[in-house]
Amino acid sequence: MAKKKSILDFYRMKKEGEQVAWVTAYDFPMASFAEQAGMDMILVGDSLGMVVLGYNSTIPVTMEECISHCKAVRRGAPNTWVIGDMPFMSYQKSDEQAVENAGRFLKEADMDCVKLEGGRRVASRIKAITDAGMVVMGHIGLTPQSSGQLGGFKAQGRDVKSARELIKDALAVQEAGAYALLLEAVPPELSKFLQQKLDIPVYSIGAGPCDGQLLICGDMLGLFQAFTPKFVKQYANVAEIEINAFKEYINDVKTGKFPTDDHVYHIKDSMEDFERLFKEFE
């Protein structure tokens, strides 16, 4: 089993130009598969609200739901760097609230770090968490928790004015002490600039080439059918496989093809003994 990476490994990988591959996972089996495949990092994203829990957005996701899924992922991937995603209103209120809830991810779910959305407006939160001895990843660009302010799930930084604001946000995140930055849905030209400008690793989800790439497991595996973002490369169509398997199972049950003799447990005593037993209760 490969040794779990640390922030020193991620700094080294940026310096040496080695790409970091990571995905989201929300439960024990998916995390186990990711670790067996050799994934560098796993994010237990608040995207679980849409991908797993069926919410219309990430907004309803609670701390308790995040912690529960983080625990399951840690059990499935004990030797992988795992990031807990801080849900909406778990850090917005105050620096103290941010530190307390970040601490829960480490104390209760054994996460290696936390991720939170926002640039300059959450810089004090990032600093407070890092000052408390925890590791933080920043997240700017398309930030789903504040998508209402952005006019929906839209790409960011596509004009000079908004790109300037994102650059300021990125610098603020680094200055606040984040060990890495996730860019979501921004043009590759801006991503390349920030990758070269910042000393910390810069990762992409729909932001073109960077120091590494993140995808939602449900998107890349074809599990989430509501919509597929433009930036996703689908590596499987697991939903189709599962639906077809369910259909075959239904047909087998209704036509009597399942279960067969191979799928039952056989008696140890004679049938005569069982027949006498049944007569006792007639």
Protein backbone atom coordinates (compact mmCIF):
# COMPACT_ATOMS: atom_id res chain seq x y z
CA MET A 1 0.00 0.00 0.00
CA ALA A 2 1.40 3.41 -0.99
CA LYS A 3 2.25 5.85 1.78
CA LYS A 4 -0.24 8.67 2.29
CA LYS A 5 0.92 11.93 0.75
CA SER A 6 1.52 15.07 2.80
CA ILE A 7 1.54 18.77 1.95
CA LEU A 8 5.30 18.43 1.37
CA ASP A 9 4.58 15.91 -1.39
CA PHE A 10 2.10 18.28 -3.02
CA TYR A 11 4.60 21.16 -2.91
CA ARG A 12 7.23 18.87 -4.42
CA MET A 13 4.85 17.71 -7.14
CA LYS A 14 4.14 21.32 -8.11
CA LYS A 15 7.86 22.10 -8.23
CA GLU A 16 8.64 19.04 -10.32
CA GLY A 17 5.65 19.44 -12.62
CA GLU A 18 3.99 16.18 -11.52
CA GLN A 19 0.22 16.32 -11.90
CA VAL A 20 -2.09 15.56 -8.97
CA ALA A 21 -5.13 13.42 -9.76
CA TRP A 22 -8.05 13.55 -7.35
CA VAL A 23 -11.79 12.91 -7.24
CA THR A 24 -14.71 13.28 -4.91
CA ALA A 25 -16.00 10.31 -2.94
CA TYR A 26 -18.84 10.14 -0.46
CA ASP A 27 -18.92 6.59 0.90
CA PHE A 28 -16.79 3.62 1.90
CA PRO A 29 -16.82 1.64 -1.39
CA MET A 30 -16.13 4.62 -3.66
CA ALA A 31 -13.26 5.77 -1.42
CA SER A 32 -11.86 2.25 -1.35
CA PHE A 33 -11.92 2.02 -5.14
CA ALA A 34 -10.21 5.41 -5.46
CA GLU A 35 -7.46 4.41 -3.06
CA GLN A 36 -6.93 1.08 -4.79
CA ALA A 37 -6.57 2.95 -8.09
CA GLY A 38 -3.82 5.13 -6.60
CA MET A 39 -5.65 8.46 -6.33
CA ASP A 40 -3.47 11.24 -4.89
CA MET A 41 -6.28 12.96 -2.95
CA ILE A 42 -9.99 12.56 -2.27
CA LEU A 43 -12.46 15.36 -1.62
CA VAL A 44 -15.58 14.66 0.38
CA GLY A 45 -17.38 17.51 -1.33
CA ASP A 46 -20.58 19.20 -0.28
CA SER A 47 -21.58 18.17 -3.80
CA LEU A 48 -22.82 15.08 -1.96
CA GLY A 49 -26.01 17.09 -1.48
CA MET A 50 -26.80 16.85 -5.19
CA VAL A 51 -24.95 13.68 -6.17
CA VAL A 52 -25.91 11.47 -3.22
CA LEU A 53 -28.71 13.09 -1.21
CA GLY A 54 -30.83 14.42 -4.07
CA TYR A 55 -30.92 18.10 -3.08
CA ASN A 56 -31.28 20.75 -5.78
CA SER A 57 -28.07 22.46 -4.64
CA THR A 58 -25.31 22.20 -2.05
CA ILE A 59 -26.99 24.74 0.24
CA PRO A 60 -29.05 22.30 2.40
CA VAL A 61 -26.04 20.13 3.29
CA THR A 62 -25.36 20.10 7.03
CA MET A 63 -22.23 19.62 9.10
CA GLU A 64 -23.61 16.35 10.41
CA GLU A 65 -24.10 15.01 6.89
CA CYS A 66 -20.59 16.06 5.89
CA ILE A 67 -19.01 14.54 8.98
CA SER A 68 -20.89 11.27 8.49
CA HIS A 69 -19.76 10.92 4.88
CA CYS A 70 -16.20 11.95 5.77
CA LYS A 71 -16.04 9.15 8.35
CA ALA A 72 -17.15 6.63 5.75
CA VAL A 73 -14.60 7.86 3.22
CA ARG A 74 -11.78 7.73 5.78
CA ARG A 75 -12.66 4.12 6.58
CA GLY A 76 -12.53 3.33 2.87
CA ALA A 77 -9.31 5.24 2.17
CA PRO A 78 -7.11 5.16 5.29
CA ASN A 79 -3.93 5.80 3.29
CA THR A 80 -5.08 8.70 1.11
CA TRP A 81 -5.01 12.46 1.76
CA VAL A 82 -8.69 13.28 2.31
CA ILE A 83 -10.22 16.76 2.32
CA GLY A 84 -13.43 17.64 4.14
CA ASP A 85 -15.56 20.27 2.43
CA MET A 86 -17.03 22.84 4.81
CA PRO A 87 -20.75 23.26 4.01
CA PHE A 88 -22.76 26.45 3.68
CA MET A 89 -23.02 28.45 6.92
CA SER A 90 -20.40 26.35 8.71
CA TYR A 91 -17.80 29.15 8.47
CA GLN A 92 -19.53 32.30 7.20
CA LYS A 93 -20.65 33.58 10.60
CA SER A 94 -17.28 34.19 12.29
CA ASP A 95 -13.66 33.14 12.53
CA GLU A 96 -14.50 31.31 15.75
CA GLN A 97 -17.28 29.33 14.07
CA ALA A 98 -14.93 28.46 11.20
CA VAL A 99 -12.23 27.15 13.56
CA GLU A 100 -14.71 25.13 15.61
CA ASN A 101 -16.29 23.44 12.59
CA ALA A 102 -12.96 22.86 10.84
CA GLY A 103 -11.79 21.16 14.00
CA ARG A 104 -14.74 18.79 13.87
CA PHE A 105 -13.57 17.48 10.50
CA LEU A 106 -10.21 16.56 12.02
CA LYS A 107 -11.35 15.37 15.45
CA GLU A 108 -14.47 13.42 14.44
CA ALA A 109 -13.69 12.30 10.88
CA ASP A 110 -9.87 12.20 10.77
CA MET A 111 -9.64 14.49 7.74
CA ASP A 112 -6.24 15.74 6.62
CA CYS A 113 -7.50 19.20 5.73
CA VAL A 114 -10.61 21.25 5.03
CA LYS A 115 -11.73 23.23 1.99
CA LEU A 116 -13.85 26.35 1.99
CA GLU A 117 -15.16 28.61 -0.74
CA GLY A 118 -14.31 32.25 -1.31
CA GLY A 119 -11.38 34.62 -1.71
CA ARG A 120 -10.82 37.89 0.12
CA ARG A 121 -14.12 37.67 1.98
CA VAL A 122 -13.00 34.47 3.76
CA ALA A 123 -9.31 35.31 4.15
CA SER A 124 -9.70 35.85 7.89
CA ARG A 125 -11.42 32.45 8.18
CA ILE A 126 -8.55 30.72 6.39
CA LYS A 127 -5.99 32.48 8.58
CA ALA A 128 -7.88 31.63 11.76
CA ILE A 129 -8.08 27.94 10.83
CA THR A 130 -4.41 27.74 9.85
CA ASP A 131 -3.40 29.64 12.98
CA ALA A 132 -5.22 26.93 14.92
CA GLY A 133 -2.87 24.36 13.39
CA MET A 134 -5.08 22.99 10.62
CA VAL A 135 -4.51 22.72 6.87
CA VAL A 136 -6.82 24.60 4.49
CA MET A 137 -7.49 24.52 0.75
CA GLY A 138 -9.07 27.57 -0.87
CA HIS A 139 -11.69 27.50 -3.65
CA ILE A 140 -12.49 30.37 -6.02
CA GLY A 141 -14.11 30.89 -9.43
CA LEU A 142 -17.47 29.20 -9.64
CA THR A 143 -18.29 28.69 -5.98
CA PRO A 144 -21.54 26.68 -5.77
CA GLN A 145 -22.47 27.90 -2.28
CA SER A 146 -22.68 31.47 -3.60
CA SER A 147 -23.93 30.62 -7.09
CA GLY A 148 -26.98 32.81 -6.51
CA GLN A 149 -24.75 35.88 -6.36
CA LEU A 150 -22.99 34.70 -9.50
CA GLY A 151 -26.23 34.37 -11.45
CA GLY A 152 -26.18 30.58 -11.40
CA PHE A 153 -23.62 27.92 -12.20
CA LYS A 154 -21.66 30.05 -14.65
CA ALA A 155 -17.98 30.20 -15.58
CA GLN A 156 -16.05 33.04 -13.96
CA GLY A 157 -13.13 35.27 -14.96
CA ARG A 158 -13.97 35.37 -18.65
CA ASP A 159 -13.46 39.14 -18.91
CA VAL A 160 -10.65 41.33 -17.63
CA LYS A 161 -12.72 42.92 -14.89
CA SER A 162 -13.78 39.66 -13.25
CA ALA A 163 -10.38 38.06 -13.89
CA ARG A 164 -8.73 40.89 -11.94
CA GLU A 165 -10.99 40.18 -8.97
CA LEU A 166 -10.15 36.46 -9.09
CA ILE A 167 -6.43 37.22 -9.15
CA LYS A 168 -6.89 39.36 -6.03
CA ASP A 169 -8.86 36.55 -4.41
CA ALA A 170 -6.16 33.98 -5.24
CA LEU A 171 -3.42 36.14 -3.76
CA ALA A 172 -5.51 36.70 -0.64
CA VAL A 173 -6.07 32.95 -0.19
CA GLN A 174 -2.35 32.28 -0.45
CA GLU A 175 -1.50 35.14 1.90
CA ALA A 176 -4.00 33.83 4.45
CA GLY A 177 -2.08 30.56 4.65
CA ALA A 178 -3.94 28.07 2.44
CA TYR A 179 -1.74 25.20 1.28
CA ALA A 180 -3.48 24.94 -2.12
CA LEU A 181 -6.13 26.57 -4.27
CA LEU A 182 -8.93 25.03 -6.32
CA LEU A 183 -10.09 26.94 -9.41
CA GLU A 184 -13.53 26.06 -10.73
CA ALA A 185 -14.85 26.95 -14.17
CA VAL A 186 -12.40 29.67 -15.17
CA PRO A 187 -10.59 30.09 -18.53
CA PRO A 188 -7.29 28.21 -18.91
CA GLU A 189 -5.46 31.46 -19.66
CA LEU A 190 -6.27 32.73 -16.18
CA SER A 191 -5.53 29.35 -14.61
CA LYS A 192 -2.08 29.25 -16.21
CA PHE A 193 -1.29 32.73 -14.92
CA LEU A 194 -2.32 31.83 -11.38
CA GLN A 195 -0.48 28.51 -11.50
CA GLN A 196 2.73 30.39 -12.35
CA LYS A 197 2.04 33.33 -10.05
CA LEU A 198 1.27 31.42 -6.85
CA ASP A 199 3.77 29.46 -4.79
CA ILE A 200 1.07 27.03 -3.61
CA PRO A 201 -0.38 24.28 -5.83
CA VAL A 202 -3.27 25.39 -8.04
CA TYR A 203 -5.77 22.70 -8.98
CA SER A 204 -8.49 22.69 -11.60
CA ILE A 205 -12.06 21.55 -11.91
CA GLY A 206 -13.14 22.82 -15.29
CA ALA A 207 -10.28 25.33 -15.35
CA GLY A 208 -7.92 23.70 -17.83
CA PRO A 209 -4.36 22.50 -17.19
CA CYS A 210 -3.01 23.31 -13.70
CA ASP A 211 -1.01 21.50 -11.05
CA GLY A 212 -3.69 18.81 -10.93
CA GLN A 213 -7.26 17.91 -11.82
CA LEU A 214 -10.42 17.21 -9.82
CA LEU A 215 -13.64 15.61 -11.07
CA ILE A 216 -16.87 14.66 -9.33
CA CYS A 217 -16.97 10.86 -9.15
CA GLY A 218 -20.64 10.76 -10.17
CA ASP A 219 -19.86 12.80 -13.28
CA MET A 220 -16.81 10.90 -14.47
CA LEU A 221 -18.43 7.49 -13.81
CA GLY A 222 -21.77 8.37 -15.37
CA LEU A 223 -23.64 7.93 -12.10
CA PHE A 224 -25.21 11.39 -11.87
CA GLN A 225 -27.77 11.84 -14.65
CA ALA A 226 -29.36 15.23 -13.91
CA PHE A 227 -26.74 17.07 -15.97
CA THR A 228 -23.10 16.75 -17.03
CA PRO A 229 -20.89 19.87 -16.94
CA LYS A 230 -19.01 20.79 -20.09
CA PHE A 231 -15.63 20.18 -18.47
CA VAL A 232 -16.34 16.55 -17.53
CA LYS A 233 -14.78 13.61 -19.34
CA GLN A 234 -16.96 10.57 -18.72
CA TYR A 235 -14.90 7.43 -18.20
CA ALA A 236 -17.80 5.03 -17.68
CA ASN A 237 -21.58 4.82 -17.80
CA VAL A 238 -22.25 3.06 -14.53
CA ALA A 239 -25.85 4.29 -14.38
CA GLU A 240 -26.71 2.39 -17.56
CA ILE A 241 -25.02 -0.74 -16.21
CA GLU A 242 -26.95 -0.52 -12.93
CA ILE A 243 -30.31 0.18 -14.59
CA ASN A 244 -29.86 -2.77 -16.94
CA ALA A 245 -28.88 -5.00 -14.03
CA PHE A 246 -32.00 -3.93 -12.10
CA LYS A 247 -34.16 -4.64 -15.15
CA GLU A 248 -32.66 -8.11 -15.54
CA TYR A 249 -33.20 -8.80 -11.83
CA ILE A 250 -36.84 -7.69 -12.01
CA ASN A 251 -37.41 -9.95 -15.01
CA ASP A 252 -35.75 -12.91 -13.31
CA VAL A 253 -37.89 -12.49 -10.19
CA LYS A 254 -41.15 -12.15 -12.08
CA THR A 255 -40.43 -15.09 -14.39
CA GLY A 256 -39.10 -17.36 -11.66
CA LYS A 257 -35.53 -17.47 -12.95
CA PHE A 258 -34.31 -16.22 -9.58
CA PRO A 259 -33.68 -17.69 -7.10
CA THR A 260 -32.50 -21.10 -8.28
CA ASP A 261 -31.17 -24.00 -6.25
CA ASP A 262 -27.74 -22.37 -6.35
CA HIS A 263 -29.01 -19.38 -4.38
CA VAL A 264 -30.52 -21.14 -1.33
CA TYR A 265 -29.23 -22.76 1.86
CA HIS A 266 -29.87 -26.49 2.09
CA ILE A 267 -31.18 -28.35 5.12
CA LYS A 268 -28.82 -30.48 7.24
CA ASP A 269 -31.37 -32.96 8.60
CA SER A 270 -33.49 -35.24 6.45
CA MET A 271 -36.60 -34.03 4.69
CA GLU A 272 -38.56 -36.58 6.69
CA ASP A 273 -37.43 -34.88 9.92
CA PHE A 274 -38.56 -31.53 8.54
CA GLU A 275 -41.91 -32.93 7.44
CA ARG A 276 -42.50 -34.23 10.98
CA LEU A 277 -41.55 -30.77 12.29
CA PHE A 278 -44.03 -29.07 10.00
CA LYS A 279 -46.81 -31.45 11.09
CA GLU A 280 -46.27 -30.37 14.70
CA PHE A 281 -47.53 -26.93 13.73
CA GLU A 282 -50.42 -27.90 11.46
